[in-house]
Amino acid sequence: MKRLTNAGQMNQRVEFYKVEKSKDDWGDITEQDVLVFSCWANIRTQFLKEIQATIGTVLENTITFIIRYQQAQPITNDMTIVHNGMRYGIIQINQDLQNKEFTTVICKAVS
């Protein structure tokens, strides 16, 4: 995959959500998606060669979001990402610990 070299290539807005549990007026536990933060991202889909290599693995049908390293909140695997009305579950988070420029978040669509 080609390396992102320019932050100007991050031209898609994505939102990070986390599920929070709370009790309603009747004492029942309810789950609600809460927006944690939103940011700009570069989105990479798999090329044919990558699709063929990931068949039968956890990385099959994944999409990659590249965002800035420094964010308002830390990213965790229990978050979901929403882009263009589609929800994605986070599979893997790869942080650039050496240069601290970008974080790569590998996701899969959830229904």
N, C-alpha and C. Protein backbone atom coordinates (compact mmCIF):
# COMPACT_ATOMS: atom_id res chain seq x y z
N MET A 1 0.84 -1.16 0.00
CA MET A 1 0.00 0.00 0.00
C MET A 1 0.89 1.24 0.00
N LYS A 2 0.53 2.22 -0.80
CA LYS A 2 1.29 3.46 -0.89
C LYS A 2 1.21 4.22 0.42
N ARG A 3 2.33 4.76 0.85
CA ARG A 3 2.41 5.49 2.12
C ARG A 3 1.81 6.88 1.97
N LEU A 4 1.06 7.30 2.97
CA LEU A 4 0.49 8.64 3.00
C LEU A 4 1.60 9.62 3.37
N THR A 5 1.84 10.61 2.54
CA THR A 5 2.92 11.55 2.78
C THR A 5 2.43 12.97 3.00
N ASN A 6 1.17 13.23 2.73
CA ASN A 6 0.64 14.58 2.80
C ASN A 6 -0.67 14.57 3.58
N ALA A 7 -0.73 15.35 4.65
CA ALA A 7 -1.96 15.41 5.44
C ALA A 7 -3.13 15.96 4.63
N GLY A 8 -2.86 16.67 3.53
CA GLY A 8 -3.91 17.18 2.67
C GLY A 8 -4.69 16.09 1.97
N GLN A 9 -4.18 14.87 1.96
CA GLN A 9 -4.88 13.74 1.36
C GLN A 9 -5.99 13.22 2.27
N MET A 10 -6.03 13.68 3.50
CA MET A 10 -7.09 13.28 4.43
C MET A 10 -8.28 14.21 4.19
N ASN A 11 -9.20 13.77 3.34
CA ASN A 11 -10.29 14.63 2.90
C ASN A 11 -11.68 14.03 3.15
N GLN A 12 -11.75 13.01 3.99
CA GLN A 12 -13.03 12.38 4.33
C GLN A 12 -13.26 12.51 5.83
N ARG A 13 -14.47 12.92 6.21
CA ARG A 13 -14.79 13.08 7.63
C ARG A 13 -15.30 11.76 8.18
N VAL A 14 -14.75 11.32 9.31
CA VAL A 14 -15.19 10.09 9.97
C VAL A 14 -15.51 10.41 11.43
N GLU A 15 -16.40 9.62 12.02
CA GLU A 15 -16.81 9.81 13.40
C GLU A 15 -16.55 8.53 14.19
N PHE A 16 -16.02 8.69 15.39
CA PHE A 16 -15.75 7.57 16.28
C PHE A 16 -16.82 7.54 17.37
N TYR A 17 -17.47 6.38 17.54
CA TYR A 17 -18.53 6.20 18.52
C TYR A 17 -18.16 5.11 19.52
N LYS A 18 -18.72 5.24 20.72
CA LYS A 18 -18.54 4.23 21.75
C LYS A 18 -19.91 3.96 22.36
N VAL A 19 -20.19 2.71 22.70
CA VAL A 19 -21.46 2.33 23.31
C VAL A 19 -21.36 2.57 24.82
N GLU A 20 -22.32 3.32 25.34
CA GLU A 20 -22.39 3.55 26.78
C GLU A 20 -23.69 2.96 27.31
N LYS A 21 -23.59 2.32 28.46
CA LYS A 21 -24.76 1.72 29.10
C LYS A 21 -25.24 2.66 30.19
N SER A 22 -26.56 2.78 30.29
CA SER A 22 -27.16 3.60 31.34
C SER A 22 -28.51 3.00 31.72
N LYS A 23 -29.04 3.45 32.83
CA LYS A 23 -30.36 2.98 33.27
C LYS A 23 -31.40 4.02 32.89
N ASP A 24 -32.53 3.54 32.39
CA ASP A 24 -33.62 4.45 32.08
C ASP A 24 -34.49 4.68 33.32
N ASP A 25 -35.58 5.38 33.16
CA ASP A 25 -36.45 5.71 34.29
C ASP A 25 -37.05 4.49 34.97
N TRP A 26 -37.11 3.38 34.25
CA TRP A 26 -37.70 2.16 34.79
C TRP A 26 -36.66 1.21 35.37
N GLY A 27 -35.39 1.60 35.32
CA GLY A 27 -34.33 0.77 35.86
C GLY A 27 -33.76 -0.22 34.87
N ASP A 28 -34.25 -0.20 33.63
CA ASP A 28 -33.72 -1.09 32.60
C ASP A 28 -32.41 -0.52 32.05
N ILE A 29 -31.49 -1.40 31.75
CA ILE A 29 -30.21 -0.96 31.18
C ILE A 29 -30.38 -0.78 29.67
N THR A 30 -29.99 0.39 29.19
CA THR A 30 -30.07 0.68 27.76
C THR A 30 -28.67 0.99 27.24
N GLU A 31 -28.46 0.70 25.98
CA GLU A 31 -27.19 1.00 25.33
C GLU A 31 -27.42 2.11 24.32
N GLN A 32 -26.47 3.05 24.29
CA GLN A 32 -26.60 4.18 23.39
C GLN A 32 -25.23 4.50 22.79
N ASP A 33 -25.21 4.74 21.48
CA ASP A 33 -23.98 5.16 20.83
C ASP A 33 -23.72 6.62 21.15
N VAL A 34 -22.51 6.90 21.62
CA VAL A 34 -22.13 8.26 21.97
C VAL A 34 -20.95 8.67 21.11
N LEU A 35 -21.06 9.83 20.48
CA LEU A 35 -19.97 10.35 19.65
C LEU A 35 -18.79 10.71 20.55
N VAL A 36 -17.63 10.11 20.29
CA VAL A 36 -16.43 10.40 21.06
C VAL A 36 -15.68 11.58 20.44
N PHE A 37 -15.44 11.49 19.12
CA PHE A 37 -14.83 12.58 18.37
C PHE A 37 -14.97 12.31 16.88
N SER A 38 -14.73 13.33 16.08
CA SER A 38 -14.69 13.17 14.63
C SER A 38 -13.39 13.77 14.13
N CYS A 39 -12.94 13.30 12.99
CA CYS A 39 -11.67 13.79 12.45
C CYS A 39 -11.64 13.55 10.94
N TRP A 40 -10.62 14.08 10.31
CA TRP A 40 -10.40 13.88 8.88
C TRP A 40 -9.57 12.63 8.66
N ALA A 41 -9.86 11.91 7.58
CA ALA A 41 -9.16 10.65 7.31
C ALA A 41 -8.92 10.48 5.82
N ASN A 42 -7.93 9.67 5.52
CA ASN A 42 -7.70 9.17 4.17
C ASN A 42 -8.19 7.74 4.19
N ILE A 43 -9.00 7.37 3.22
CA ILE A 43 -9.62 6.04 3.22
C ILE A 43 -9.02 5.20 2.10
N ARG A 44 -8.58 4.01 2.48
CA ARG A 44 -7.99 3.08 1.52
C ARG A 44 -8.80 1.79 1.49
N THR A 45 -9.26 1.43 0.32
CA THR A 45 -9.93 0.14 0.16
C THR A 45 -8.90 -0.85 -0.35
N GLN A 46 -9.23 -2.12 -0.30
CA GLN A 46 -8.30 -3.15 -0.73
C GLN A 46 -8.23 -3.21 -2.25
N PHE A 47 -7.02 -3.43 -2.75
CA PHE A 47 -6.84 -3.70 -4.17
C PHE A 47 -7.10 -5.18 -4.43
N LEU A 48 -7.28 -5.55 -5.69
CA LEU A 48 -7.59 -6.93 -6.03
C LEU A 48 -6.57 -7.91 -5.45
N LYS A 49 -5.30 -7.57 -5.53
CA LYS A 49 -4.24 -8.44 -5.01
C LYS A 49 -4.42 -8.65 -3.50
N GLU A 50 -4.79 -7.59 -2.78
CA GLU A 50 -5.00 -7.68 -1.34
C GLU A 50 -6.26 -8.47 -1.02
N ILE A 51 -7.29 -8.30 -1.82
CA ILE A 51 -8.53 -9.04 -1.62
C ILE A 51 -8.27 -10.54 -1.74
N GLN A 52 -7.51 -10.92 -2.75
CA GLN A 52 -7.19 -12.34 -2.95
C GLN A 52 -6.34 -12.88 -1.81
N ALA A 53 -5.43 -12.08 -1.29
CA ALA A 53 -4.54 -12.54 -0.22
C ALA A 53 -5.26 -12.67 1.12
N THR A 54 -6.36 -11.94 1.32
CA THR A 54 -7.03 -11.96 2.62
C THR A 54 -8.27 -12.86 2.67
N ILE A 55 -8.55 -13.56 1.59
CA ILE A 55 -9.73 -14.44 1.58
C ILE A 55 -9.58 -15.50 2.67
N GLY A 56 -10.62 -15.61 3.49
CA GLY A 56 -10.62 -16.59 4.56
C GLY A 56 -9.92 -16.13 5.84
N THR A 57 -9.46 -14.89 5.88
CA THR A 57 -8.81 -14.37 7.09
C THR A 57 -9.69 -13.30 7.72
N VAL A 58 -9.29 -12.85 8.89
CA VAL A 58 -10.05 -11.81 9.58
C VAL A 58 -9.97 -10.48 8.82
N LEU A 59 -8.99 -10.32 7.95
CA LEU A 59 -8.84 -9.09 7.19
C LEU A 59 -9.61 -9.08 5.88
N GLU A 60 -10.44 -10.10 5.64
CA GLU A 60 -11.25 -10.14 4.43
C GLU A 60 -12.30 -9.03 4.47
N ASN A 61 -12.46 -8.32 3.36
CA ASN A 61 -13.44 -7.23 3.22
C ASN A 61 -13.22 -6.10 4.23
N THR A 62 -11.98 -5.71 4.41
CA THR A 62 -11.68 -4.63 5.34
C THR A 62 -11.44 -3.32 4.59
N ILE A 63 -11.49 -2.24 5.34
CA ILE A 63 -11.22 -0.91 4.83
C ILE A 63 -10.26 -0.25 5.82
N THR A 64 -9.38 0.61 5.33
CA THR A 64 -8.37 1.23 6.17
C THR A 64 -8.60 2.73 6.24
N PHE A 65 -8.63 3.25 7.47
CA PHE A 65 -8.74 4.69 7.71
C PHE A 65 -7.40 5.17 8.24
N ILE A 66 -6.83 6.18 7.59
CA ILE A 66 -5.58 6.77 8.06
C ILE A 66 -5.91 8.14 8.62
N ILE A 67 -5.61 8.33 9.90
CA ILE A 67 -5.92 9.59 10.58
C ILE A 67 -4.65 10.14 11.22
N ARG A 68 -4.71 11.37 11.70
CA ARG A 68 -3.56 11.94 12.40
C ARG A 68 -3.32 11.18 13.71
N TYR A 69 -2.06 11.11 14.10
CA TYR A 69 -1.66 10.39 15.31
C TYR A 69 -2.29 11.01 16.55
N GLN A 70 -2.21 12.33 16.64
CA GLN A 70 -2.73 13.05 17.81
C GLN A 70 -4.22 13.30 17.65
N GLN A 71 -5.03 12.75 18.54
CA GLN A 71 -6.48 12.90 18.49
C GLN A 71 -7.00 13.38 19.84
N ALA A 72 -8.25 13.81 19.87
CA ALA A 72 -8.86 14.34 21.08
C ALA A 72 -9.00 13.27 22.16
N GLN A 73 -9.21 12.02 21.76
CA GLN A 73 -9.38 10.90 22.68
C GLN A 73 -8.57 9.71 22.15
N PRO A 74 -8.10 8.83 23.02
CA PRO A 74 -7.43 7.63 22.54
C PRO A 74 -8.42 6.70 21.83
N ILE A 75 -7.96 6.01 20.81
CA ILE A 75 -8.79 5.09 20.04
C ILE A 75 -8.66 3.70 20.66
N THR A 76 -9.82 3.03 20.84
CA THR A 76 -9.82 1.69 21.38
C THR A 76 -10.62 0.76 20.46
N ASN A 77 -10.40 -0.53 20.61
CA ASN A 77 -11.04 -1.52 19.74
C ASN A 77 -12.54 -1.64 19.98
N ASP A 78 -13.06 -1.13 21.09
CA ASP A 78 -14.49 -1.23 21.33
C ASP A 78 -15.27 -0.07 20.70
N MET A 79 -14.58 0.80 19.99
CA MET A 79 -15.24 1.90 19.27
C MET A 79 -15.68 1.44 17.90
N THR A 80 -16.58 2.20 17.30
CA THR A 80 -16.96 1.99 15.90
C THR A 80 -16.72 3.29 15.16
N ILE A 81 -16.57 3.18 13.85
CA ILE A 81 -16.36 4.35 12.99
C ILE A 81 -17.55 4.45 12.05
N VAL A 82 -18.06 5.65 11.87
CA VAL A 82 -19.13 5.89 10.91
C VAL A 82 -18.59 6.80 9.82
N HIS A 83 -18.77 6.34 8.57
CA HIS A 83 -18.36 7.12 7.40
C HIS A 83 -19.45 6.96 6.33
N ASN A 84 -19.98 8.07 5.86
CA ASN A 84 -21.04 8.06 4.84
C ASN A 84 -22.22 7.17 5.24
N GLY A 85 -22.59 7.20 6.51
CA GLY A 85 -23.73 6.43 6.97
C GLY A 85 -23.47 4.96 7.20
N MET A 86 -22.26 4.50 6.94
CA MET A 86 -21.90 3.09 7.12
C MET A 86 -21.10 2.93 8.41
N ARG A 87 -21.42 1.91 9.19
CA ARG A 87 -20.73 1.68 10.47
C ARG A 87 -19.68 0.58 10.30
N TYR A 88 -18.50 0.82 10.88
CA TYR A 88 -17.38 -0.11 10.80
C TYR A 88 -16.87 -0.44 12.20
N GLY A 89 -16.61 -1.72 12.44
CA GLY A 89 -15.99 -2.15 13.69
C GLY A 89 -14.49 -2.16 13.53
N ILE A 90 -13.79 -1.76 14.56
CA ILE A 90 -12.33 -1.68 14.50
C ILE A 90 -11.73 -3.07 14.74
N ILE A 91 -10.88 -3.49 13.81
CA ILE A 91 -10.19 -4.77 13.93
C ILE A 91 -8.80 -4.57 14.52
N GLN A 92 -8.09 -3.56 14.00
CA GLN A 92 -6.71 -3.36 14.42
C GLN A 92 -6.36 -1.88 14.36
N ILE A 93 -5.54 -1.44 15.31
CA ILE A 93 -5.07 -0.05 15.36
C ILE A 93 -3.55 -0.09 15.28
N ASN A 94 -2.99 0.55 14.26
CA ASN A 94 -1.54 0.61 14.08
C ASN A 94 -1.08 2.05 14.23
N GLN A 95 -0.40 2.34 15.33
CA GLN A 95 0.07 3.69 15.57
C GLN A 95 1.51 3.84 15.10
N ASP A 96 1.81 4.99 14.54
CA ASP A 96 3.16 5.32 14.09
C ASP A 96 3.94 5.83 15.30
N LEU A 97 4.49 4.92 16.10
CA LEU A 97 5.16 5.30 17.33
C LEU A 97 6.50 5.98 17.09
N GLN A 98 7.09 5.77 15.93
CA GLN A 98 8.39 6.37 15.64
C GLN A 98 8.25 7.84 15.23
N ASN A 99 7.44 8.12 14.23
CA ASN A 99 7.30 9.49 13.72
C ASN A 99 6.13 10.25 14.33
N LYS A 100 5.17 9.52 14.90
CA LYS A 100 3.97 10.11 15.51
C LYS A 100 3.25 11.05 14.55
N GLU A 101 3.06 10.58 13.31
CA GLU A 101 2.36 11.37 12.31
C GLU A 101 0.94 10.86 12.07
N PHE A 102 0.83 9.55 11.78
CA PHE A 102 -0.46 8.99 11.39
C PHE A 102 -0.76 7.71 12.17
N THR A 103 -2.04 7.43 12.32
CA THR A 103 -2.52 6.18 12.88
C THR A 103 -3.36 5.49 11.83
N THR A 104 -3.11 4.21 11.62
CA THR A 104 -3.87 3.42 10.66
C THR A 104 -4.86 2.55 11.43
N VAL A 105 -6.14 2.67 11.06
CA VAL A 105 -7.19 1.92 11.73
C VAL A 105 -7.83 0.99 10.69
N ILE A 106 -7.70 -0.31 10.89
CA ILE A 106 -8.25 -1.29 9.97
C ILE A 106 -9.63 -1.72 10.50
N CYS A 107 -10.64 -1.62 9.63
CA CYS A 107 -12.03 -1.85 10.05
C CYS A 107 -12.75 -2.78 9.10
N LYS A 108 -13.88 -3.28 9.61
CA LYS A 108 -14.76 -4.13 8.83
C LYS A 108 -16.19 -3.65 9.03
N ALA A 109 -16.96 -3.64 7.97
CA ALA A 109 -18.35 -3.19 8.06
C ALA A 109 -19.15 -4.07 8.99
N VAL A 110 -20.00 -3.45 9.80
CA VAL A 110 -20.87 -4.20 10.71
C VAL A 110 -22.31 -3.90 10.30
N SER A 111 -23.19 -4.88 10.57
CA SER A 111 -24.59 -4.67 10.19
C SER A 111 -25.44 -4.31 11.36
